Amino acid sequence: MGKRLAKYFHCPTEFTLAVLDGKWKTVILSYLKERPCRYAELRKLVPRLSDKMLTERLRDLTRTGLVVRRPVGISGLTQRYDLTEKGSSLNAVLQHLYSSGVENADQFGVRVGQPLQELDATGTASVRSRVVRRPLGARDSGRVRPARSSGMATSKI
């Protein structure tokens, strides 16, 4: 939450929306409502969100006390994000938003995915939501692949 919260809100809904501050925090909280996730899992679940933005949003959610970052395993190198008690207080609201999306998608002529179920079933996000790179073979020597989204035009394979 880059901005500071106002000291007074005329309406409780206005306050809640100010805390959530945009769609990405709500999407992240919706996934964490279902289960704790590692950073890489969240990255796969929200492919349109850049690494920088995901990191910022997770920091904001941690600062506001809605999310906690916990070490996993003995080494503690892997971290998992989970809802705090305060974050869990939004579960009903998040569930209503989710249900509304499922119920009304057809009426708006859109399709909605189930990335968390896909992640659980396959261990990876759907093919459409991630970049797939095949291993390099002997035939690929000397070929050029377009660079990701940096300013460079091409990169050598």
C-alpha atoms as a PDB file:
ATOM      1  CA  MET A   1       0.000   0.000   0.000  1.00  0.00           C
ATOM      2  CA  GLY A   2       2.108   2.829  -1.310  1.00  0.00           C
ATOM      3  CA  LYS A   3      -0.447   5.436  -0.272  1.00  0.00           C
ATOM      4  CA  ARG A   4      -1.256   6.144   3.333  1.00  0.00           C
ATOM      5  CA  LEU A   5      -4.788   5.461   4.418  1.00  0.00           C
ATOM      6  CA  ALA A   6      -6.995   8.398   5.272  1.00  0.00           C
ATOM      7  CA  LYS A   7      -7.782   8.782   8.976  1.00  0.00           C
ATOM      8  CA  TYR A   8     -11.524   8.919   8.328  1.00  0.00           C
ATOM      9  CA  PHE A   9     -13.802   7.149   5.853  1.00  0.00           C
ATOM     10  CA  HIS A  10     -17.418   8.140   5.405  1.00  0.00           C
ATOM     11  CA  CYS A  11     -18.425   4.564   4.554  1.00  0.00           C
ATOM     12  CA  PRO A  12     -17.024   1.192   5.715  1.00  0.00           C
ATOM     13  CA  THR A  13     -17.077  -0.051   2.094  1.00  0.00           C
ATOM     14  CA  GLU A  14     -14.865   2.871   1.082  1.00  0.00           C
ATOM     15  CA  PHE A  15     -12.373   1.859   3.787  1.00  0.00           C
ATOM     16  CA  THR A  16     -12.331  -1.815   2.679  1.00  0.00           C
ATOM     17  CA  LEU A  17     -11.785  -0.826  -0.943  1.00  0.00           C
ATOM     18  CA  ALA A  18      -8.957   1.517   0.087  1.00  0.00           C
ATOM     19  CA  VAL A  19      -7.239  -1.361   1.920  1.00  0.00           C
ATOM     20  CA  LEU A  20      -7.641  -3.688  -1.088  1.00  0.00           C
ATOM     21  CA  ASP A  21      -6.529  -0.878  -3.444  1.00  0.00           C
ATOM     22  CA  GLY A  22      -6.934  -2.407  -6.898  1.00  0.00           C
ATOM     23  CA  LYS A  23      -7.622  -5.717  -8.525  1.00  0.00           C
ATOM     24  CA  TRP A  24      -4.310  -7.499  -7.996  1.00  0.00           C
ATOM     25  CA  LYS A  25      -4.424  -7.519  -4.222  1.00  0.00           C
ATOM     26  CA  THR A  26      -7.927  -8.966  -4.353  1.00  0.00           C
ATOM     27  CA  VAL A  27      -6.855 -11.662  -6.816  1.00  0.00           C
ATOM     28  CA  ILE A  28      -3.842 -12.607  -4.667  1.00  0.00           C
ATOM     29  CA  LEU A  29      -5.987 -12.729  -1.531  1.00  0.00           C
ATOM     30  CA  SER A  30      -8.528 -14.917  -3.351  1.00  0.00           C
ATOM     31  CA  TYR A  31      -5.850 -17.520  -4.073  1.00  0.00           C
ATOM     32  CA  LEU A  32      -4.429 -17.343  -0.564  1.00  0.00           C
ATOM     33  CA  LYS A  33      -7.953 -17.812   0.774  1.00  0.00           C
ATOM     34  CA  GLU A  34      -7.904 -21.286  -0.775  1.00  0.00           C
ATOM     35  CA  ARG A  35      -4.432 -22.290   0.434  1.00  0.00           C
ATOM     36  CA  PRO A  36      -0.965 -20.934   1.234  1.00  0.00           C
ATOM     37  CA  CYS A  37       1.168 -20.404  -1.889  1.00  0.00           C
ATOM     38  CA  ARG A  38       4.834 -19.993  -2.688  1.00  0.00           C
ATOM     39  CA  TYR A  39       5.871 -16.960  -4.743  1.00  0.00           C
ATOM     40  CA  ALA A  40       6.407 -19.120  -7.848  1.00  0.00           C
ATOM     41  CA  GLU A  41       2.897 -20.560  -7.510  1.00  0.00           C
ATOM     42  CA  LEU A  42       1.378 -17.094  -7.271  1.00  0.00           C
ATOM     43  CA  ARG A  43       3.432 -16.073 -10.294  1.00  0.00           C
ATOM     44  CA  LYS A  44       1.903 -18.925 -12.304  1.00  0.00           C
ATOM     45  CA  LEU A  45      -1.591 -18.226 -11.010  1.00  0.00           C
ATOM     46  CA  VAL A  46      -1.475 -14.562 -12.053  1.00  0.00           C
ATOM     47  CA  PRO A  47       0.539 -14.574 -15.296  1.00  0.00           C
ATOM     48  CA  ARG A  48      -0.443 -11.034 -16.359  1.00  0.00           C
ATOM     49  CA  LEU A  49       1.086  -9.613 -13.193  1.00  0.00           C
ATOM     50  CA  SER A  50       4.772  -8.698 -13.499  1.00  0.00           C
ATOM     51  CA  ASP A  51       7.326  -9.898 -10.950  1.00  0.00           C
ATOM     52  CA  LYS A  52       7.824  -6.334  -9.763  1.00  0.00           C
ATOM     53  CA  MET A  53       4.102  -5.763  -9.239  1.00  0.00           C
ATOM     54  CA  LEU A  54       3.608  -9.135  -7.511  1.00  0.00           C
ATOM     55  CA  THR A  55       6.482  -8.388  -5.143  1.00  0.00           C
ATOM     56  CA  GLU A  56       5.087  -4.920  -4.381  1.00  0.00           C
ATOM     57  CA  ARG A  57       1.563  -6.223  -3.796  1.00  0.00           C
ATOM     58  CA  LEU A  58       2.784  -9.008  -1.495  1.00  0.00           C
ATOM     59  CA  ARG A  59       4.834  -6.442   0.456  1.00  0.00           C
ATOM     60  CA  ASP A  60       1.781  -4.180   0.751  1.00  0.00           C
ATOM     61  CA  LEU A  61      -0.409  -7.062   1.931  1.00  0.00           C
ATOM     62  CA  THR A  62       2.233  -8.101   4.458  1.00  0.00           C
ATOM     63  CA  ARG A  63       2.627  -4.526   5.752  1.00  0.00           C
ATOM     64  CA  THR A  64      -1.123  -4.164   6.253  1.00  0.00           C
ATOM     65  CA  GLY A  65      -1.203  -7.419   8.202  1.00  0.00           C
ATOM     66  CA  LEU A  66      -3.447  -9.299   5.741  1.00  0.00           C
ATOM     67  CA  VAL A  67      -0.733 -11.748   4.646  1.00  0.00           C
ATOM     68  CA  VAL A  68       2.177 -13.371   6.441  1.00  0.00           C
ATOM     69  CA  ARG A  69       5.324 -14.811   4.867  1.00  0.00           C
ATOM     70  CA  ARG A  70       6.469 -18.049   6.487  1.00  0.00           C
ATOM     71  CA  PRO A  71       9.572 -20.179   5.894  1.00  0.00           C
ATOM     72  CA  VAL A  72       8.980 -23.753   4.684  1.00  0.00           C
ATOM     73  CA  GLY A  73      11.170 -26.723   5.554  1.00  0.00           C
ATOM     74  CA  ILE A  74      14.300 -26.972   7.614  1.00  0.00           C
ATOM     75  CA  SER A  75      16.458 -24.626   5.526  1.00  0.00           C
ATOM     76  CA  GLY A  76      13.811 -21.885   5.463  1.00  0.00           C
ATOM     77  CA  LEU A  77      14.940 -20.800   2.003  1.00  0.00           C
ATOM     78  CA  THR A  78      11.491 -21.403   0.534  1.00  0.00           C
ATOM     79  CA  GLN A  79       8.779 -19.041   1.699  1.00  0.00           C
ATOM     80  CA  ARG A  80       5.006 -19.459   1.672  1.00  0.00           C
ATOM     81  CA  TYR A  81       2.437 -16.700   1.821  1.00  0.00           C
ATOM     82  CA  ASP A  82      -0.659 -17.242   3.915  1.00  0.00           C
ATOM     83  CA  LEU A  83      -3.591 -15.177   5.135  1.00  0.00           C
ATOM     84  CA  THR A  84      -3.449 -13.830   8.664  1.00  0.00           C
ATOM     85  CA  GLU A  85      -6.523 -13.751  10.881  1.00  0.00           C
ATOM     86  CA  LYS A  86      -7.154 -10.215   9.651  1.00  0.00           C
ATOM     87  CA  GLY A  87      -6.806 -11.398   6.040  1.00  0.00           C
ATOM     88  CA  SER A  88      -9.152 -14.318   6.679  1.00  0.00           C
ATOM     89  CA  SER A  89     -11.800 -11.827   7.793  1.00  0.00           C
ATOM     90  CA  LEU A  90     -12.184 -10.999   4.073  1.00  0.00           C
ATOM     91  CA  ASN A  91     -12.990 -14.611   3.095  1.00  0.00           C
ATOM     92  CA  ALA A  92     -16.746 -14.049   2.774  1.00  0.00           C
ATOM     93  CA  VAL A  93     -16.264 -10.959   0.596  1.00  0.00           C
ATOM     94  CA  LEU A  94     -13.705 -12.743  -1.590  1.00  0.00           C
ATOM     95  CA  GLN A  95     -16.018 -15.749  -1.955  1.00  0.00           C
ATOM     96  CA  HIS A  96     -18.902 -13.502  -3.043  1.00  0.00           C
ATOM     97  CA  LEU A  97     -16.686 -11.826  -5.658  1.00  0.00           C
ATOM     98  CA  TYR A  98     -15.611 -15.243  -6.935  1.00  0.00           C
ATOM     99  CA  SER A  99     -19.191 -16.564  -7.058  1.00  0.00           C
ATOM    100  CA  SER A 100     -20.387 -13.455  -8.844  1.00  0.00           C
ATOM    101  CA  GLY A 101     -17.685 -13.900 -11.480  1.00  0.00           C
ATOM    102  CA  VAL A 102     -18.678 -17.528 -12.062  1.00  0.00           C
ATOM    103  CA  GLU A 103     -22.410 -16.777 -12.156  1.00  0.00           C
ATOM    104  CA  ASN A 104     -22.228 -13.720 -14.425  1.00  0.00           C
ATOM    105  CA  ALA A 105     -19.431 -14.549 -16.858  1.00  0.00           C
ATOM    106  CA  ASP A 106     -21.811 -15.979 -19.498  1.00  0.00           C
ATOM    107  CA  GLN A 107     -24.061 -12.925 -19.333  1.00  0.00           C
ATOM    108  CA  PHE A 108     -21.062 -10.728 -20.131  1.00  0.00           C
ATOM    109  CA  GLY A 109     -19.881 -13.070 -22.881  1.00  0.00           C
ATOM    110  CA  VAL A 110     -16.598 -13.995 -21.193  1.00  0.00           C
ATOM    111  CA  ARG A 111     -14.973 -17.193 -20.019  1.00  0.00           C
ATOM    112  CA  VAL A 112     -13.269 -17.533 -16.665  1.00  0.00           C
ATOM    113  CA  GLY A 113     -10.508 -20.008 -15.892  1.00  0.00           C
ATOM    114  CA  GLN A 114      -9.783 -22.161 -12.885  1.00  0.00           C
ATOM    115  CA  PRO A 115      -5.991 -21.672 -12.542  1.00  0.00           C
ATOM    116  CA  LEU A 116      -5.748 -22.901  -8.945  1.00  0.00           C
ATOM    117  CA  GLN A 117      -7.380 -26.204  -9.904  1.00  0.00           C
ATOM    118  CA  GLU A 118      -5.101 -26.474 -12.951  1.00  0.00           C
ATOM    119  CA  LEU A 119      -2.055 -25.782 -10.772  1.00  0.00           C
ATOM    120  CA  ASP A 120      -3.106 -28.440  -8.256  1.00  0.00           C
ATOM    121  CA  ALA A 121      -3.856 -30.986 -10.994  1.00  0.00           C
ATOM    122  CA  THR A 122      -0.687 -30.569 -13.035  1.00  0.00           C
ATOM    123  CA  GLY A 123       1.762 -28.777 -10.799  1.00  0.00           C
ATOM    124  CA  THR A 124       1.962 -26.005 -13.396  1.00  0.00           C
ATOM    125  CA  ALA A 125      -0.296 -23.266 -14.669  1.00  0.00           C
ATOM    126  CA  SER A 126      -2.138 -23.742 -17.939  1.00  0.00           C
ATOM    127  CA  VAL A 127      -0.122 -23.661 -21.140  1.00  0.00           C
ATOM    128  CA  ARG A 128      -1.925 -20.530 -22.283  1.00  0.00           C
ATOM    129  CA  SER A 129      -0.941 -18.642 -19.164  1.00  0.00           C
ATOM    130  CA  ARG A 130       2.804 -19.260 -19.287  1.00  0.00           C
ATOM    131  CA  VAL A 131       5.654 -19.142 -21.732  1.00  0.00           C
ATOM    132  CA  VAL A 132       6.773 -22.569 -22.884  1.00  0.00           C
ATOM    133  CA  ARG A 133      10.328 -22.944 -24.134  1.00  0.00           C
ATOM    134  CA  ARG A 134      11.430 -26.171 -25.728  1.00  0.00           C
ATOM    135  CA  PRO A 135      14.919 -27.540 -25.111  1.00  0.00           C
ATOM    136  CA  LEU A 136      17.521 -26.462 -27.636  1.00  0.00           C
ATOM    137  CA  GLY A 137      18.603 -29.053 -30.190  1.00  0.00           C
ATOM    138  CA  ALA A 138      21.431 -29.389 -32.695  1.00  0.00           C
ATOM    139  CA  ARG A 139      19.204 -27.883 -35.418  1.00  0.00           C
ATOM    140  CA  ASP A 140      18.914 -24.668 -33.407  1.00  0.00           C
ATOM    141  CA  SER A 141      22.563 -23.601 -33.607  1.00  0.00           C
ATOM    142  CA  GLY A 142      22.819 -20.175 -35.183  1.00  0.00           C
ATOM    143  CA  ARG A 143      19.086 -19.437 -34.964  1.00  0.00           C
ATOM    144  CA  VAL A 144      17.817 -16.324 -33.253  1.00  0.00           C
ATOM    145  CA  ARG A 145      14.941 -16.126 -30.773  1.00  0.00           C
ATOM    146  CA  PRO A 146      13.250 -12.775 -30.037  1.00  0.00           C
ATOM    147  CA  ALA A 147      14.299 -11.329 -26.689  1.00  0.00           C
ATOM    148  CA  ARG A 148      11.734 -11.284 -23.896  1.00  0.00           C
ATOM    149  CA  SER A 149      10.509  -7.797 -23.161  1.00  0.00           C
ATOM    150  CA  SER A 150      13.795  -5.987 -22.732  1.00  0.00           C
ATOM    151  CA  GLY A 151      14.863  -3.315 -25.171  1.00  0.00           C
ATOM    152  CA  MET A 152      17.007  -5.775 -27.185  1.00  0.00           C
ATOM    153  CA  ALA A 153      15.757  -6.933 -30.560  1.00  0.00           C
ATOM    154  CA  THR A 154      17.043 -10.519 -30.537  1.00  0.00           C
ATOM    155  CA  SER A 155      19.049 -12.979 -28.498  1.00  0.00           C
ATOM    156  CA  LYS A 156      21.252 -15.795 -29.731  1.00  0.00           C
ATOM    157  CA  ILE A 157      19.979 -19.329 -29.057  1.00  0.00           C
END
